């Protein structure tokens, strides 16, 4: 009876009483070459931007598609595809190219592997799909996750960088982008008002410069700044200086840049405009100096910053 071939790895299955005197050679080739390639093979495959590279699984002989680990080289990018056979098989794909590459079965959608990333994929007999979608726990020095759903507690030791559109659907919180471009998560309920005030008691108007200092108690983000005055329509300019305790902030620590909270003519200011500010986020123990740089007419000035806690 003639040989047949296994459906997934295309290994030669010797028929009864077939290959007399050569049975051992075929078996050794199956075990020492083809199976070894399938479970421990590491190979490279070049791809080209905008083109489809097709891999096959020929019966009983070596093939790129049979390797466990395939490193993609060359140039990836838009419409760059690696088509693999529909044989059920596990793949480690390292996209060591300049752009994304989609790994798929012909006519299917597959999985896109970003440039420089390594992914564990599997062919389920129809198409390429992610081989893993659940971790009991994850510990990693560097990792990239397209979609992360946390159903338990998440402990983060170190910095978190979030890119793209991120939805924190499981949390009652707001997301905002800090001035450094990072995305932050702010509590909708833990918002506080902190501020200072200056007032004359013996008549006359306030005479600048004046200053007062407060200490910040939690990691927080300024969402607005409010100035309320008495004495009639006038003008004032206020600066905010920030430094970590025990350093007393000075003008060198100004966070407002050229966009200092200013009343030109009037009695109040309610502003969420922080254009040009170097930061709007505070850490526990930060000292904030409110500095009244100039003032006219006013007999009393109250300055408040609305802070929203960052989770």
Protein backbone atom coordinates (compact mmCIF):
# COMPACT_ATOMS: atom_id res chain seq x y z
CA UNK A 1 0.00 0.00 0.00
CA UNK A 2 1.43 3.39 -0.99
CA UNK A 3 2.37 6.05 1.54
CA UNK A 4 -0.13 8.74 2.64
CA UNK A 5 0.53 12.07 4.33
CA UNK A 6 -0.65 13.58 7.63
CA UNK A 7 -3.23 16.35 7.21
CA UNK A 8 -1.48 19.14 9.14
CA UNK A 9 2.30 18.67 8.96
CA UNK A 10 2.26 16.64 5.70
CA UNK A 11 4.50 13.94 7.17
CA UNK A 12 4.88 10.75 5.16
CA UNK A 13 2.90 7.85 6.62
CA UNK A 14 4.43 4.65 5.25
CA UNK A 15 1.91 2.07 4.06
CA UNK A 16 1.98 -1.55 5.27
CA UNK A 17 4.88 -3.48 3.75
CA UNK A 18 5.88 -0.38 1.79
CA UNK A 19 9.45 0.90 1.32
CA UNK A 20 11.33 -2.29 2.21
CA UNK A 21 14.88 -1.35 3.12
CA UNK A 22 14.06 2.37 3.09
CA UNK A 23 11.57 2.55 5.95
CA UNK A 24 14.23 3.69 8.41
CA UNK A 25 15.42 6.52 6.16
CA UNK A 26 11.88 7.85 5.76
CA UNK A 27 11.21 7.60 9.49
CA UNK A 28 14.45 9.37 10.36
CA UNK A 29 13.62 12.13 7.88
CA UNK A 30 10.14 12.50 9.40
CA UNK A 31 11.51 12.66 12.94
CA UNK A 32 14.85 14.38 12.52
CA UNK A 33 13.94 16.91 9.84
CA UNK A 34 10.23 17.51 9.34
CA UNK A 35 8.95 17.11 12.92
CA UNK A 36 11.99 18.95 14.28
CA UNK A 37 11.25 21.78 11.86
CA UNK A 38 7.61 21.86 12.99
CA UNK A 39 8.31 22.07 16.72
CA UNK A 40 11.67 23.87 16.84
CA UNK A 41 12.31 25.34 13.40
CA UNK A 42 13.39 28.97 13.10
CA UNK A 43 13.52 30.50 9.64
CA UNK A 44 13.40 33.83 7.86
CA UNK A 45 10.98 34.86 5.13
CA UNK A 46 11.27 38.09 3.13
CA UNK A 47 8.15 40.11 2.35
CA UNK A 48 7.64 43.22 0.21
CA UNK A 49 5.40 46.23 0.80
CA UNK A 50 2.04 45.88 -0.93
CA UNK A 51 2.64 42.31 -2.11
CA UNK A 52 1.40 38.88 -1.01
CA UNK A 53 3.93 36.18 -0.14
CA UNK A 54 2.43 32.68 -0.20
CA UNK A 55 3.78 29.74 1.77
CA UNK A 56 2.90 26.10 1.04
CA UNK A 57 3.05 22.82 2.95
CA UNK A 58 4.34 20.23 0.42
CA UNK A 59 4.00 16.56 1.30
CA UNK A 60 7.02 14.96 2.89
CA UNK A 61 9.59 17.70 2.34
CA UNK A 62 10.88 20.79 4.12
CA UNK A 63 8.93 24.04 3.86
CA UNK A 64 9.00 27.52 5.37
CA UNK A 65 5.39 27.11 6.52
CA UNK A 66 6.29 24.03 8.57
CA UNK A 67 8.63 26.03 10.85
CA UNK A 68 7.45 26.93 14.33
CA UNK A 69 9.09 30.39 14.36
CA UNK A 70 9.09 32.59 11.25
CA UNK A 71 10.98 35.87 11.23
CA UNK A 72 9.71 38.24 8.55
CA UNK A 73 12.31 40.44 6.89
CA UNK A 74 12.17 43.11 4.22
CA UNK A 75 9.51 45.83 4.03
CA UNK A 76 5.98 45.61 5.37
CA UNK A 77 3.20 48.16 5.32
CA UNK A 78 -0.16 48.64 3.62
CA UNK A 79 -1.52 45.55 1.83
CA UNK A 80 1.49 43.39 2.77
CA UNK A 81 0.31 39.81 3.35
CA UNK A 82 1.83 36.50 4.34
CA UNK A 83 -0.53 33.73 3.18
CA UNK A 84 -0.10 30.37 4.91
CA UNK A 85 -1.81 27.05 4.18
CA UNK A 86 -5.01 26.12 5.98
CA UNK A 87 -3.26 23.25 7.81
CA UNK A 88 -3.98 23.46 11.55
CA UNK A 89 -0.72 24.64 13.05
CA UNK A 90 0.88 26.95 15.62
CA UNK A 91 3.07 29.87 14.47
CA UNK A 92 5.39 32.28 16.26
CA UNK A 93 5.65 35.32 13.96
CA UNK A 94 8.35 37.97 14.40
CA UNK A 95 7.66 40.91 12.12
CA UNK A 96 11.18 42.27 11.78
CA UNK A 97 10.21 44.59 8.91
CA UNK A 98 9.49 48.28 8.48
CA UNK A 99 5.69 47.98 8.52
CA UNK A 100 2.71 45.85 9.50
CA UNK A 101 2.17 42.44 7.87
CA UNK A 102 -1.13 40.52 7.82
CA UNK A 103 -0.78 36.76 8.31
CA UNK A 104 -3.77 34.85 6.95
CA UNK A 105 -5.13 31.95 4.96
CA UNK A 106 -5.95 32.81 1.36
CA UNK A 107 -9.31 34.57 1.09
CA UNK A 108 -9.54 35.19 4.85
CA UNK A 109 -8.86 38.22 7.08
CA UNK A 110 -6.12 36.89 9.37
CA UNK A 111 -4.22 38.85 12.01
CA UNK A 112 -2.06 41.93 11.47
CA UNK A 113 1.33 41.83 13.15
CA UNK A 114 2.75 45.35 13.75
CA UNK A 115 6.31 46.16 12.73
CA UNK A 116 8.99 44.87 15.17
CA UNK A 117 6.41 42.87 17.17
CA UNK A 118 6.30 39.15 17.99
CA UNK A 119 2.96 37.33 18.13
CA UNK A 120 1.75 33.80 18.86
CA UNK A 121 -0.79 32.77 16.19
CA UNK A 122 -2.58 29.58 15.19
CA UNK A 123 -4.33 28.36 12.07
CA UNK A 124 -7.64 26.82 13.11
CA UNK A 125 -8.16 25.15 9.75
CA UNK A 126 -9.95 28.17 8.32
CA UNK A 127 -7.87 31.25 9.12
CA UNK A 128 -5.10 32.63 11.31
CA UNK A 129 -6.30 33.75 14.75
CA UNK A 130 -4.54 34.76 18.00
CA UNK A 131 -3.38 31.66 19.86
CA UNK A 132 -3.84 33.23 23.32
CA UNK A 133 -6.53 35.61 24.58
CA UNK A 134 -6.47 35.05 28.35
CA UNK A 135 -3.75 35.41 31.00
CA UNK A 136 -4.23 34.58 34.67
CA UNK A 137 -1.42 37.02 35.40
CA UNK A 138 1.09 38.97 33.33
CA UNK A 139 4.52 40.19 34.35
CA UNK A 140 6.51 41.97 31.68
CA UNK A 141 9.32 44.50 31.43
CA UNK A 142 8.21 45.54 27.93
CA UNK A 143 5.04 44.50 26.16
CA UNK A 144 2.52 45.75 23.61
CA UNK A 145 -1.18 44.93 23.90
CA UNK A 146 -3.74 45.99 21.29
CA UNK A 147 -6.76 45.15 23.47
CA UNK A 148 -6.52 44.68 27.25
CA UNK A 149 -9.57 43.68 29.28
CA UNK A 150 -8.89 43.45 33.01
CA UNK A 151 -11.55 41.56 34.96
CA UNK A 152 -9.61 41.42 38.22
CA UNK A 153 -7.20 43.70 40.03
CA UNK A 154 -4.35 45.29 38.08
CA UNK A 155 -1.14 46.25 39.88
CA UNK A 156 1.26 48.51 38.00
CA UNK A 157 4.81 49.02 39.23
CA UNK A 158 6.37 51.59 36.94
CA UNK A 159 5.27 53.92 34.17
CA UNK A 160 2.24 53.32 31.96
CA UNK A 161 2.18 54.63 28.40
CA UNK A 162 -1.16 54.56 26.61
CA UNK A 163 -1.49 55.37 22.93
CA UNK A 164 -4.47 55.52 20.62
CA UNK A 165 -8.10 55.67 21.68
CA UNK A 166 -8.56 54.09 25.09
CA UNK A 167 -11.90 53.38 26.77
CA UNK A 168 -11.99 52.67 30.50
CA UNK A 169 -15.49 51.20 30.36
CA UNK A 170 -15.18 49.30 33.65
CA UNK A 171 -14.35 52.43 35.66
CA UNK A 172 -16.43 55.42 36.70
CA UNK A 173 -13.85 57.90 35.55
CA UNK A 174 -12.85 60.41 32.91
CA UNK A 175 -9.87 60.18 30.65
CA UNK A 176 -7.84 63.23 29.77
CA UNK A 177 -4.62 63.97 27.92
CA UNK A 178 -1.96 65.70 30.01
CA UNK A 179 0.24 68.42 28.57
CA UNK A 180 3.08 65.93 28.09
CA UNK A 181 0.84 63.93 25.73
CA UNK A 182 0.21 61.07 28.16
CA UNK A 183 -3.29 59.84 28.86
CA UNK A 184 -4.48 60.05 32.46
CA UNK A 185 -7.47 58.68 34.31
CA UNK A 186 -9.27 61.15 36.59
CA UNK A 187 -11.94 60.49 39.19
CA UNK A 188 -15.35 62.01 38.46
CA UNK A 189 -16.15 62.25 42.17
CA UNK A 190 -12.84 63.22 43.82
CA UNK A 191 -12.69 66.86 42.80
CA UNK A 192 -11.55 69.58 45.19
CA UNK A 193 -11.19 73.34 45.18
CA UNK A 194 -7.94 74.81 46.51
CA UNK A 195 -6.97 78.43 46.56
CA UNK A 196 -5.89 81.60 48.30
CA UNK A 197 -7.18 85.11 48.86
CA UNK A 198 -5.91 88.63 49.46
CA UNK A 199 -7.96 91.39 51.11
CA UNK A 200 -7.44 94.90 52.44
CA UNK A 201 -8.87 95.72 55.87
CA UNK A 202 -7.99 99.40 56.24
CA UNK A 203 -9.38 100.70 52.97
CA UNK A 204 -7.60 101.32 49.70
CA UNK A 205 -6.74 98.78 47.03
CA UNK A 206 -4.49 95.74 47.00
CA UNK A 207 -0.86 96.50 46.25
CA UNK A 208 1.09 93.87 44.30
CA UNK A 209 3.22 91.86 44.49
CA UNK A 210 1.58 89.47 46.99
CA UNK A 211 1.90 85.73 47.38
CA UNK A 212 0.50 82.74 49.26
CA UNK A 213 1.49 79.08 49.20
CA UNK A 214 -0.48 75.83 49.51
CA UNK A 215 0.51 72.16 49.60
CA UNK A 216 -1.11 69.60 47.28
CA UNK A 217 -2.30 66.45 49.03
CA UNK A 218 -2.97 64.06 46.13
CA UNK A 219 -2.03 63.37 42.52
CA UNK A 220 -4.37 65.67 40.66
CA UNK A 221 -5.09 67.65 37.51
CA UNK A 222 -6.21 71.28 37.23
CA UNK A 223 -9.51 71.39 35.35
CA UNK A 224 -10.22 75.12 35.75
CA UNK A 225 -9.03 78.30 37.46
CA UNK A 226 -11.38 80.90 38.92
CA UNK A 227 -10.72 84.48 40.04
CA UNK A 228 -13.39 86.45 41.94
CA UNK A 229 -12.81 90.05 43.06
CA UNK A 230 -14.35 92.93 44.98
CA UNK A 231 -13.91 96.69 44.62
CA UNK A 232 -15.24 97.25 41.11
CA UNK A 233 -14.00 96.67 37.59
CA UNK A 234 -10.23 96.40 37.53
CA UNK A 235 -7.31 94.28 36.37
CA UNK A 236 -4.87 91.73 37.74
CA UNK A 237 -2.26 89.20 36.65
CA UNK A 238 -1.60 86.02 38.65
CA UNK A 239 1.16 83.46 38.21
CA UNK A 240 1.44 79.93 39.63
CA UNK A 241 4.79 78.49 40.70
CA UNK A 242 5.23 74.79 41.57
CA UNK A 243 8.03 72.84 43.26
CA UNK A 244 8.19 69.60 45.29
CA UNK A 245 8.39 70.02 49.05
CA UNK A 246 10.63 71.15 50.78
CA UNK A 247 11.71 73.40 47.89
CA UNK A 248 9.93 76.75 48.07
CA UNK A 249 8.82 77.62 44.51
CA UNK A 250 10.10 80.77 42.85
CA UNK A 251 9.47 82.56 39.57
CA UNK A 252 11.84 80.05 37.96
CA UNK A 253 9.21 77.39 38.73
CA UNK A 254 6.34 79.17 36.94
CA UNK A 255 3.99 76.75 35.17
CA UNK A 256 1.88 79.34 33.32
CA UNK A 257 4.32 80.43 30.65
CA UNK A 258 3.01 83.49 28.84
CA UNK A 259 -0.63 82.53 29.49
CA UNK A 260 -0.97 83.78 33.06
CA UNK A 261 -4.50 84.03 34.49
CA UNK A 262 -5.41 87.65 33.76
CA UNK A 263 -8.34 89.99 34.22
CA UNK A 264 -7.83 92.89 31.83
CA UNK A 265 -11.02 94.80 32.60
CA UNK A 266 -13.66 93.22 34.80
CA UNK A 267 -14.34 91.47 38.09
CA UNK A 268 -14.13 87.71 37.41
CA UNK A 269 -12.28 85.07 35.42
CA UNK A 270 -13.41 81.48 34.87
CA UNK A 271 -10.91 79.73 32.62
CA UNK A 272 -10.08 76.27 31.31
CA UNK A 273 -7.49 77.62 28.87
CA UNK A 274 -4.06 76.22 29.77
CA UNK A 275 -2.40 76.80 26.41
CA UNK A 276 1.32 77.37 26.93
CA UNK A 277 1.38 75.97 30.47
CA UNK A 278 4.23 73.58 31.16
CA UNK A 279 2.06 71.31 33.29
CA UNK A 280 -1.40 71.07 34.83
CA UNK A 281 -0.72 68.00 36.98
CA UNK A 282 0.41 67.92 40.60
CA UNK A 283 1.85 65.22 42.86
CA UNK A 284 1.33 64.79 46.60
CA UNK A 285 3.65 67.16 48.45
CA UNK A 286 3.94 69.69 45.63
CA UNK A 287 4.00 73.29 46.87
CA UNK A 288 2.09 75.80 44.75
CA UNK A 289 2.75 79.51 45.09
CA UNK A 290 -0.02 81.88 44.01
CA UNK A 291 1.74 85.08 42.99
CA UNK A 292 -0.23 88.28 42.48
CA UNK A 293 1.97 89.99 39.92
CA UNK A 294 -0.12 93.14 39.43
CA UNK A 295 -3.49 94.53 40.50
CA UNK A 296 -5.63 97.68 40.16
CA UNK A 297 -8.91 98.78 41.80
CA UNK A 298 -9.56 95.49 43.62
CA UNK A 299 -9.91 95.42 47.41
CA UNK A 300 -10.20 91.61 47.52
CA UNK A 301 -9.08 88.82 45.21
CA UNK A 302 -9.90 85.12 45.66
CA UNK A 303 -8.15 82.59 43.41
CA UNK A 304 -9.29 78.98 43.17
CA UNK A 305 -7.99 76.04 41.20
CA UNK A 306 -10.33 73.10 40.69
CA UNK A 307 -8.39 69.84 41.05
CA UNK A 308 -9.55 66.41 39.93
CA UNK A 309 -7.79 63.43 41.47
CA UNK A 310 -5.83 61.21 39.09
CA UNK A 311 -6.30 57.48 39.63
